[in-house]
Amino acid sequence: MKNTHDRKAKLNIFKIGDKVLMIREYFDLHKTAKLLSRYTGPYEIVKTNPEFNCYQLKDIQTGKTLN
């Protein structure tokens, strides 16, 4: 089963200027998780590091860069 998934999985490669959404890894414990959005954003990719597949993001609405 894992081999089938690995063969069909695609690596997403983004470019500078692409707009993306980020998956929330955690939820506030005081709220029901199924009522919250799974994504935050939109963000714009400002800088890429293809060696480690890392991206620096900027919040489009506030203009702040995420570390």
Protein backbone atom coordinates (compact mmCIF):
# COMPACT_ATOMS: atom_id res chain seq x y z
CA MET A 1 0.00 0.00 0.00
CA LYS A 2 2.82 2.43 0.86
CA ASN A 3 4.60 1.64 -2.40
CA THR A 4 1.46 2.48 -4.38
CA HIS A 5 1.10 5.81 -2.58
CA ASP A 6 4.79 6.66 -3.05
CA ARG A 7 4.59 6.00 -6.78
CA LYS A 8 1.57 8.26 -7.27
CA ALA A 9 2.56 11.05 -4.83
CA LYS A 10 3.72 14.33 -6.37
CA LEU A 11 6.17 16.77 -4.81
CA ASN A 12 4.73 20.28 -4.89
CA ILE A 13 7.30 22.82 -6.02
CA PHE A 14 6.30 26.46 -5.65
CA LYS A 15 7.88 29.56 -7.17
CA ILE A 16 8.40 33.03 -5.74
CA GLY A 17 5.17 34.99 -6.07
CA ASP A 18 2.87 31.94 -5.85
CA LYS A 19 -0.06 32.26 -3.48
CA VAL A 20 -0.62 29.38 -1.06
CA LEU A 21 -2.69 28.29 1.94
CA MET A 22 -1.06 26.72 5.00
CA ILE A 23 -2.51 23.71 6.84
CA ARG A 24 -3.18 24.29 10.53
CA GLU A 25 -1.21 21.79 12.62
CA TYR A 26 -2.99 22.49 15.88
CA PHE A 27 -6.41 23.62 17.02
CA ASP A 28 -7.56 25.69 19.96
CA LEU A 29 -8.66 23.22 22.64
CA HIS A 30 -11.67 25.37 23.58
CA LYS A 31 -13.29 25.13 20.16
CA THR A 32 -14.67 22.20 18.25
CA ALA A 33 -12.11 21.21 15.62
CA LYS A 34 -14.64 20.28 12.97
CA LEU A 35 -16.01 23.83 12.91
CA LEU A 36 -12.62 25.44 12.31
CA SER A 37 -11.00 25.94 8.93
CA ARG A 38 -8.17 23.52 8.21
CA TYR A 39 -6.19 26.21 6.38
CA THR A 40 -4.84 29.67 7.12
CA GLY A 41 -3.85 32.27 4.60
CA PRO A 42 -3.56 33.37 1.87
CA TYR A 43 0.21 33.74 1.87
CA GLU A 44 2.66 34.71 -0.84
CA ILE A 45 5.99 32.92 -1.28
CA VAL A 46 8.82 35.43 -0.84
CA LYS A 47 11.91 33.22 -0.73
CA THR A 48 12.64 29.56 -1.54
CA ASN A 49 15.32 27.09 -0.52
CA PRO A 50 15.06 24.20 -2.99
CA GLU A 51 17.79 22.21 -1.23
CA PHE A 52 15.57 21.70 1.83
CA ASN A 53 12.17 22.32 0.13
CA CYS A 54 11.54 25.30 2.47
CA TYR A 55 9.66 28.52 1.79
CA GLN A 56 9.46 31.94 3.45
CA LEU A 57 5.91 33.27 3.42
CA LYS A 58 4.40 36.75 3.59
CA ASP A 59 0.85 37.34 4.81
CA ILE A 60 -0.98 39.06 1.95
CA GLN A 61 -3.45 40.86 4.18
CA THR A 62 -1.01 42.31 6.74
CA GLY A 63 2.23 42.30 4.73
CA LYS A 64 4.15 40.63 7.58
CA THR A 65 6.76 37.99 6.80
CA LEU A 66 6.48 34.69 8.66
CA ASN A 67 9.64 33.19 10.14
